C-alpha atoms as a PDB file:
ATOM      1  CA  MET A   1     125.261   7.817  90.751  1.00  0.00           C
ATOM      2  CA  ALA A   2     128.797   8.499  91.764  1.00  0.00           C
ATOM      3  CA  ASN A   3     131.883   6.974  89.989  1.00  0.00           C
ATOM      4  CA  ILE A   4     134.462   6.435  92.692  1.00  0.00           C
ATOM      5  CA  LEU A   5     138.016   5.154  92.056  1.00  0.00           C
ATOM      6  CA  PHE A   6     139.612   2.982  94.840  1.00  0.00           C
ATOM      7  CA  PHE A   7     143.352   3.062  94.280  1.00  0.00           C
ATOM      8  CA  GLY A   8     145.562   0.953  96.542  1.00  0.00           C
ATOM      9  CA  ASP A   9     147.872  -2.029  97.043  1.00  0.00           C
ATOM     10  CA  SER A  10     147.238  -5.715  98.184  1.00  0.00           C
ATOM     11  CA  ASN A  11     144.834  -4.706 100.892  1.00  0.00           C
ATOM     12  CA  THR A  12     142.601  -2.993  98.316  1.00  0.00           C
ATOM     13  CA  TRP A  13     143.151  -6.008  95.884  1.00  0.00           C
ATOM     14  CA  GLY A  14     142.010  -8.341  98.769  1.00  0.00           C
ATOM     15  CA  LEU A  15     144.951 -10.638  99.283  1.00  0.00           C
ATOM     16  CA  ILE A  16     144.102 -13.647 101.687  1.00  0.00           C
ATOM     17  CA  PRO A  17     146.714 -13.433 104.480  1.00  0.00           C
ATOM     18  CA  GLY A  18     149.492 -16.171 104.040  1.00  0.00           C
ATOM     19  CA  THR A  19     148.557 -16.888 100.495  1.00  0.00           C
ATOM     20  CA  MET A  20     148.790 -15.437  96.927  1.00  0.00           C
ATOM     21  CA  GLU A  21     144.953 -15.717  96.569  1.00  0.00           C
ATOM     22  CA  ARG A  22     142.313 -13.143  96.435  1.00  0.00           C
ATOM     23  CA  TYR A  23     139.187 -12.850  98.683  1.00  0.00           C
ATOM     24  CA  PRO A  24     136.155 -13.213  96.509  1.00  0.00           C
ATOM     25  CA  TRP A  25     133.507 -10.622  95.738  1.00  0.00           C
ATOM     26  CA  GLY A  26     131.356 -10.185  98.836  1.00  0.00           C
ATOM     27  CA  THR A  27     134.269 -10.608 101.178  1.00  0.00           C
ATOM     28  CA  ARG A  28     136.899  -7.958 100.216  1.00  0.00           C
ATOM     29  CA  TRP A  29     136.129  -4.465 101.556  1.00  0.00           C
ATOM     30  CA  THR A  30     135.703  -2.820  98.181  1.00  0.00           C
ATOM     31  CA  SER A  31     132.991  -5.123  97.234  1.00  0.00           C
ATOM     32  CA  LEU A  32     131.148  -4.726 100.542  1.00  0.00           C
ATOM     33  CA  VAL A  33     131.224  -0.887  99.939  1.00  0.00           C
ATOM     34  CA  GLN A  34     129.683  -1.589  96.511  1.00  0.00           C
ATOM     35  CA  GLN A  35     126.942  -3.826  97.821  1.00  0.00           C
ATOM     36  CA  ALA A  36     125.979  -1.263 100.455  1.00  0.00           C
ATOM     37  CA  LEU A  37     125.925   1.507  97.911  1.00  0.00           C
ATOM     38  CA  PRO A  38     124.421  -0.086  94.907  1.00  0.00           C
ATOM     39  CA  GLU A  39     123.369   3.239  93.262  1.00  0.00           C
ATOM     40  CA  ASN A  40     127.093   4.142  92.917  1.00  0.00           C
ATOM     41  CA  ARG A  41     129.872   2.518  90.970  1.00  0.00           C
ATOM     42  CA  ILE A  42     132.936   1.492  93.007  1.00  0.00           C
ATOM     43  CA  ILE A  43     136.101   1.010  90.738  1.00  0.00           C
ATOM     44  CA  GLU A  44     138.500  -1.354  92.239  1.00  0.00           C
ATOM     45  CA  ASP A  45     142.126  -0.720  91.386  1.00  0.00           C
ATOM     46  CA  GLY A  46     144.319  -2.608  93.827  1.00  0.00           C
ATOM     47  CA  LEU A  47     147.577  -4.007  92.883  1.00  0.00           C
ATOM     48  CA  CYS A  48     149.821  -6.182  95.052  1.00  0.00           C
ATOM     49  CA  GLY A  49     153.187  -4.570  95.791  1.00  0.00           C
ATOM     50  CA  ARG A  50     152.101  -1.142  94.656  1.00  0.00           C
ATOM     51  CA  THR A  51     154.076   1.782  96.206  1.00  0.00           C
ATOM     52  CA  THR A  52     153.668   5.632  96.015  1.00  0.00           C
ATOM     53  CA  ILE A  53     156.836   6.259  94.139  1.00  0.00           C
ATOM     54  CA  PHE A  54     159.254   3.401  94.711  1.00  0.00           C
ATOM     55  CA  GLU A  55     160.284   1.124  91.740  1.00  0.00           C
ATOM     56  CA  ASP A  56     160.618  -2.626  92.736  1.00  0.00           C
ATOM     57  CA  ALA A  57     163.267  -4.133  90.510  1.00  0.00           C
ATOM     58  CA  LEU A  58     161.606  -7.470  90.756  1.00  0.00           C
ATOM     59  CA  ARG A  59     157.926  -6.332  90.187  1.00  0.00           C
ATOM     60  CA  PRO A  60     157.563  -3.683  87.431  1.00  0.00           C
ATOM     61  CA  PHE A  61     154.785  -1.146  87.134  1.00  0.00           C
ATOM     62  CA  ARG A  62     154.293  -0.705  90.907  1.00  0.00           C
ATOM     63  CA  ARG A  63     154.966   3.080  91.250  1.00  0.00           C
ATOM     64  CA  GLY A  64     151.559   4.528  91.938  1.00  0.00           C
ATOM     65  CA  ALA A  65     152.481   8.081  90.992  1.00  0.00           C
ATOM     66  CA  GLU A  66     153.547   6.805  87.567  1.00  0.00           C
ATOM     67  CA  THR A  67     150.656   4.529  86.794  1.00  0.00           C
ATOM     68  CA  LEU A  68     147.806   6.440  88.493  1.00  0.00           C
ATOM     69  CA  ARG A  69     147.169   8.545  85.454  1.00  0.00           C
ATOM     70  CA  LEU A  70     146.434   5.469  83.321  1.00  0.00           C
ATOM     71  CA  SER A  71     143.776   4.375  85.840  1.00  0.00           C
ATOM     72  CA  LEU A  72     142.263   7.993  86.010  1.00  0.00           C
ATOM     73  CA  GLU A  73     142.111   8.196  82.150  1.00  0.00           C
ATOM     74  CA  SER A  74     140.766   4.752  81.620  1.00  0.00           C
ATOM     75  CA  ASN A  75     138.113   5.141  84.187  1.00  0.00           C
ATOM     76  CA  TYR A  76     137.145   8.759  83.254  1.00  0.00           C
ATOM     77  CA  PRO A  77     134.872  10.508  84.102  1.00  0.00           C
ATOM     78  CA  LEU A  78     135.233  10.230  87.940  1.00  0.00           C
ATOM     79  CA  ASP A  79     133.352  11.947  90.713  1.00  0.00           C
ATOM     80  CA  ALA A  80     135.736  11.096  93.483  1.00  0.00           C
ATOM     81  CA  ALA A  81     138.764   8.932  94.400  1.00  0.00           C
ATOM     82  CA  VAL A  82     139.957   7.041  97.520  1.00  0.00           C
ATOM     83  CA  ILE A  83     143.831   6.283  97.825  1.00  0.00           C
ATOM     84  CA  MET A  84     145.299   4.011 100.297  1.00  0.00           C
ATOM     85  CA  LEU A  85     148.988   3.363  99.718  1.00  0.00           C
ATOM     86  CA  GLY A  86     152.135   3.289 101.875  1.00  0.00           C
ATOM     87  CA  THR A  87     152.522  -0.180 103.318  1.00  0.00           C
ATOM     88  CA  ASN A  88     154.945  -1.371 100.576  1.00  0.00           C
ATOM     89  CA  ASP A  89     156.938   1.874 100.882  1.00  0.00           C
ATOM     90  CA  CYS A  90     157.846   0.565 104.262  1.00  0.00           C
ATOM     91  CA  LYS A  91     159.908  -2.344 102.946  1.00  0.00           C
ATOM     92  CA  LYS A  92     163.496  -2.259 104.100  1.00  0.00           C
ATOM     93  CA  VAL A  93     164.842  -2.297 100.556  1.00  0.00           C
ATOM     94  CA  PHE A  94     163.498   1.265 100.072  1.00  0.00           C
ATOM     95  CA  ASN A  95     164.837   2.438 103.538  1.00  0.00           C
ATOM     96  CA  ALA A  96     162.150   5.309 103.466  1.00  0.00           C
ATOM     97  CA  SER A  97     161.054   7.447 106.386  1.00  0.00           C
ATOM     98  CA  SER A  98     157.432   8.360 106.892  1.00  0.00           C
ATOM     99  CA  PHE A  99     158.269  11.808 105.676  1.00  0.00           C
ATOM    100  CA  VAL A 100     159.591  10.561 102.443  1.00  0.00           C
ATOM    101  CA  ILE A 101     156.617   8.240 102.025  1.00  0.00           C
ATOM    102  CA  GLY A 102     154.414  11.219 102.633  1.00  0.00           C
ATOM    103  CA  LYS A 103     156.233  13.033  99.725  1.00  0.00           C
ATOM    104  CA  GLY A 104     155.419  10.008  97.605  1.00  0.00           C
ATOM    105  CA  LEU A 105     151.804  10.285  98.619  1.00  0.00           C
ATOM    106  CA  GLU A 106     151.856  13.944  97.634  1.00  0.00           C
ATOM    107  CA  MET A 107     153.105  13.009  94.147  1.00  0.00           C
ATOM    108  CA  CYS A 108     150.090  10.695  93.786  1.00  0.00           C
ATOM    109  CA  LEU A 109     147.801  13.536  94.872  1.00  0.00           C
ATOM    110  CA  ASP A 110     149.416  15.719  92.185  1.00  0.00           C
ATOM    111  CA  GLU A 111     148.143  13.264  89.557  1.00  0.00           C
ATOM    112  CA  LEU A 112     144.748  12.912  91.136  1.00  0.00           C
ATOM    113  CA  GLU A 113     144.231  16.692  91.338  1.00  0.00           C
ATOM    114  CA  LYS A 114     144.709  16.918  87.486  1.00  0.00           C
ATOM    115  CA  PHE A 115     141.263  15.222  87.300  1.00  0.00           C
ATOM    116  CA  LEU A 116     139.573  15.942  90.662  1.00  0.00           C
ATOM    117  CA  LYS A 117     139.295  18.791  93.112  1.00  0.00           C
ATOM    118  CA  PRO A 118     141.009  18.170  96.548  1.00  0.00           C
ATOM    119  CA  GLN A 119     137.663  17.974  98.277  1.00  0.00           C
ATOM    120  CA  ASN A 120     136.714  15.010  95.998  1.00  0.00           C
ATOM    121  CA  ILE A 121     139.734  12.946  97.174  1.00  0.00           C
ATOM    122  CA  LEU A 122     139.831  10.731 100.265  1.00  0.00           C
ATOM    123  CA  VAL A 123     143.315  10.022 101.606  1.00  0.00           C
ATOM    124  CA  VAL A 124     143.351   6.704 103.599  1.00  0.00           C
ATOM    125  CA  SER A 125     146.477   5.924 105.766  1.00  0.00           C
ATOM    126  CA  PRO A 126     146.951   2.111 105.681  1.00  0.00           C
ATOM    127  CA  ILE A 127     146.699  -0.359 108.640  1.00  0.00           C
ATOM    128  CA  ALA A 128     149.843  -0.655 110.592  1.00  0.00           C
ATOM    129  CA  LEU A 129     152.240  -3.542 110.180  1.00  0.00           C
ATOM    130  CA  GLY A 130     151.975  -6.150 112.885  1.00  0.00           C
ATOM    131  CA  LYS A 131     154.819  -6.709 115.287  1.00  0.00           C
ATOM    132  CA  GLU A 132     156.090  -9.927 113.835  1.00  0.00           C
ATOM    133  CA  VAL A 133     155.771  -9.235 110.159  1.00  0.00           C
ATOM    134  CA  TRP A 134     159.621  -9.480 109.693  1.00  0.00           C
ATOM    135  CA  LEU A 135     159.810 -12.992 110.653  1.00  0.00           C
ATOM    136  CA  PRO A 136     161.065 -15.289 107.821  1.00  0.00           C
ATOM    137  CA  GLU A 137     157.733 -17.278 107.748  1.00  0.00           C
ATOM    138  CA  LYS A 138     155.864 -14.079 107.185  1.00  0.00           C
ATOM    139  CA  ASP A 139     157.448 -11.333 105.092  1.00  0.00           C
ATOM    140  CA  HIS A 140     161.182 -10.909 105.240  1.00  0.00           C
ATOM    141  CA  GLU A 141     160.913  -7.806 102.991  1.00  0.00           C
ATOM    142  CA  PHE A 142     159.974  -5.875 106.177  1.00  0.00           C
ATOM    143  CA  ASP A 143     162.052  -5.289 109.379  1.00  0.00           C
ATOM    144  CA  LYS A 144     161.405  -3.830 112.785  1.00  0.00           C
ATOM    145  CA  THR A 145     161.918  -0.312 111.520  1.00  0.00           C
ATOM    146  CA  SER A 146     159.257  -0.921 108.770  1.00  0.00           C
ATOM    147  CA  ILE A 147     156.758  -1.542 111.650  1.00  0.00           C
ATOM    148  CA  GLU A 148     157.558   1.816 113.328  1.00  0.00           C
ATOM    149  CA  VAL A 149     157.391   3.710 110.040  1.00  0.00           C
ATOM    150  CA  SER A 150     154.112   2.161 109.192  1.00  0.00           C
ATOM    151  CA  ARG A 151     152.716   3.378 112.541  1.00  0.00           C
ATOM    152  CA  GLN A 152     153.831   7.015 111.708  1.00  0.00           C
ATOM    153  CA  LEU A 153     151.906   7.212 108.435  1.00  0.00           C
ATOM    154  CA  LYS A 154     148.648   8.143 110.098  1.00  0.00           C
ATOM    155  CA  ALA A 155     150.027  11.348 111.491  1.00  0.00           C
ATOM    156  CA  VAL A 156     151.890  12.221 108.324  1.00  0.00           C
ATOM    157  CA  TYR A 157     149.068  11.537 105.969  1.00  0.00           C
ATOM    158  CA  LYS A 158     146.596  13.465 108.253  1.00  0.00           C
ATOM    159  CA  GLN A 159     148.790  16.669 108.088  1.00  0.00           C
ATOM    160  CA  ILE A 160     149.102  16.299 104.323  1.00  0.00           C
ATOM    161  CA  ALA A 161     145.329  15.929 103.914  1.00  0.00           C
ATOM    162  CA  ALA A 162     144.703  18.917 106.090  1.00  0.00           C
ATOM    163  CA  ARG A 163     147.171  21.104 104.223  1.00  0.00           C
ATOM    164  CA  ARG A 164     146.008  20.094 100.800  1.00  0.00           C
ATOM    165  CA  GLY A 165     142.273  20.211 101.494  1.00  0.00           C
ATOM    166  CA  THR A 166     141.555  16.581 100.906  1.00  0.00           C
ATOM    167  CA  HIS A 167     139.519  14.343 103.295  1.00  0.00           C
ATOM    168  CA  PHE A 168     141.225  11.752 105.525  1.00  0.00           C
ATOM    169  CA  LEU A 169     140.606   8.442 107.127  1.00  0.00           C
ATOM    170  CA  ALA A 170     142.961   6.223 109.132  1.00  0.00           C
ATOM    171  CA  ALA A 171     142.351   2.544 108.254  1.00  0.00           C
ATOM    172  CA  SER A 172     144.341   1.657 111.362  1.00  0.00           C
ATOM    173  CA  ASP A 173     141.594   3.215 113.526  1.00  0.00           C
ATOM    174  CA  PHE A 174     139.289   0.415 112.441  1.00  0.00           C
ATOM    175  CA  ALA A 175     141.221  -2.575 111.318  1.00  0.00           C
ATOM    176  CA  GLU A 176     144.514  -4.461 111.891  1.00  0.00           C
ATOM    177  CA  PRO A 177     146.504  -7.070 110.061  1.00  0.00           C
ATOM    178  CA  SER A 178     145.785 -10.793 110.440  1.00  0.00           C
ATOM    179  CA  PRO A 179     148.225 -12.608 112.779  1.00  0.00           C
ATOM    180  CA  VAL A 180     148.735 -15.046 109.959  1.00  0.00           C
ATOM    181  CA  ASP A 181     151.137 -12.684 108.230  1.00  0.00           C
ATOM    182  CA  ASP A 182     150.829  -9.317 110.203  1.00  0.00           C
ATOM    183  CA  GLU A 183     150.404  -7.566 106.887  1.00  0.00           C
ATOM    184  CA  HIS A 184     147.041  -8.137 105.282  1.00  0.00           C
ATOM    185  CA  LEU A 185     143.404  -7.933 106.425  1.00  0.00           C
ATOM    186  CA  ASN A 186     141.424 -11.025 107.268  1.00  0.00           C
ATOM    187  CA  GLU A 187     137.591 -11.264 106.739  1.00  0.00           C
ATOM    188  CA  MET A 188     136.803  -9.429 109.884  1.00  0.00           C
ATOM    189  CA  GLY A 189     139.298  -6.656 108.958  1.00  0.00           C
ATOM    190  CA  HIS A 190     137.688  -6.364 105.455  1.00  0.00           C
ATOM    191  CA  GLN A 191     134.215  -5.921 107.168  1.00  0.00           C
ATOM    192  CA  ALA A 192     135.548  -3.401 109.599  1.00  0.00           C
ATOM    193  CA  LEU A 193     137.154  -1.246 107.007  1.00  0.00           C
ATOM    194  CA  ALA A 194     134.147  -1.413 104.686  1.00  0.00           C
ATOM    195  CA  THR A 195     131.880  -0.304 107.473  1.00  0.00           C
ATOM    196  CA  ALA A 196     134.224   2.688 108.299  1.00  0.00           C
ATOM    197  CA  MET A 197     134.514   3.511 104.595  1.00  0.00           C
ATOM    198  CA  ILE A 198     130.763   3.497 103.990  1.00  0.00           C
ATOM    199  CA  ASP A 199     130.264   5.850 106.972  1.00  0.00           C
ATOM    200  CA  LYS A 200     133.020   8.155 105.817  1.00  0.00           C
ATOM    201  CA  LEU A 201     131.782   8.316 102.133  1.00  0.00           C
ATOM    202  CA  GLU A 202     128.371   9.380 103.396  1.00  0.00           C
ATOM    203  CA  GLU A 203     129.776  11.841 105.942  1.00  0.00           C
ATOM    204  CA  ILE A 204     131.783  13.666 103.403  1.00  0.00           C
ATOM    205  CA  GLY A 205     129.071  13.528 100.779  1.00  0.00           C
ATOM    206  CA  PHE A 206     130.742  11.394  98.100  1.00  0.00           C
ATOM    207  CA  VAL A 207     127.544   9.221  98.229  1.00  0.00           C
ATOM    208  CA  LYS A 208     124.000   9.628  99.519  1.00  0.00           C
ATOM    209  CA  LYS A 209     122.881   7.319 102.308  1.00  0.00           C
ATOM    210  CA  SER A 210     121.620   4.062 100.888  1.00  0.00           C
ATOM    211  CA  HIS A 211     118.291   2.759 102.022  1.00  0.00           C
ATOM    212  CA  ALA A 212     119.646  -0.727 101.351  1.00  0.00           C
ATOM    213  CA  GLN A 213     121.763  -0.722 104.486  1.00  0.00           C
END
């Protein structure tokens, strides 16, 4: 059995687009991974608003690089970890480029590598923001620049993973945000990401192929 930490934001937590509610077990992608790989332990650690390094004055304890060690220690021992952050870093209040967000990801990786070897870490670049996410009825914390920055994260994260020797997966290759809010996965998105994640975990050897699939 492998113990695998999944560390992310609202798209790991399972926020239902356009609400403050959470998709139930059996719908959110992390739970689908667990169901498909029952011989392994999937540890869900998603938090709405979580960033790599940025402090949200209105929502404390969101800096992933600062809180990651708590999750690593409380869930010890771990065999592997999957990290998917960056969407909230694109908010206009932080005014961060994709390069700076990549530096924030690396600070998270510094913490992960205190507990795990690089080859036991999977870096996942998040889905890209939709083209109307900035509208007042969706999420005014983002603007049009946020959309472009979010689309750049795939290339930035891929380069970081290659340089540091971690594995890489681009969520945007398999899923896109719901048109309801242009930010969060809908049920089809959760299913698509779960399928891609299961295939990737088996490909890189984090888990063995499950006969239950």
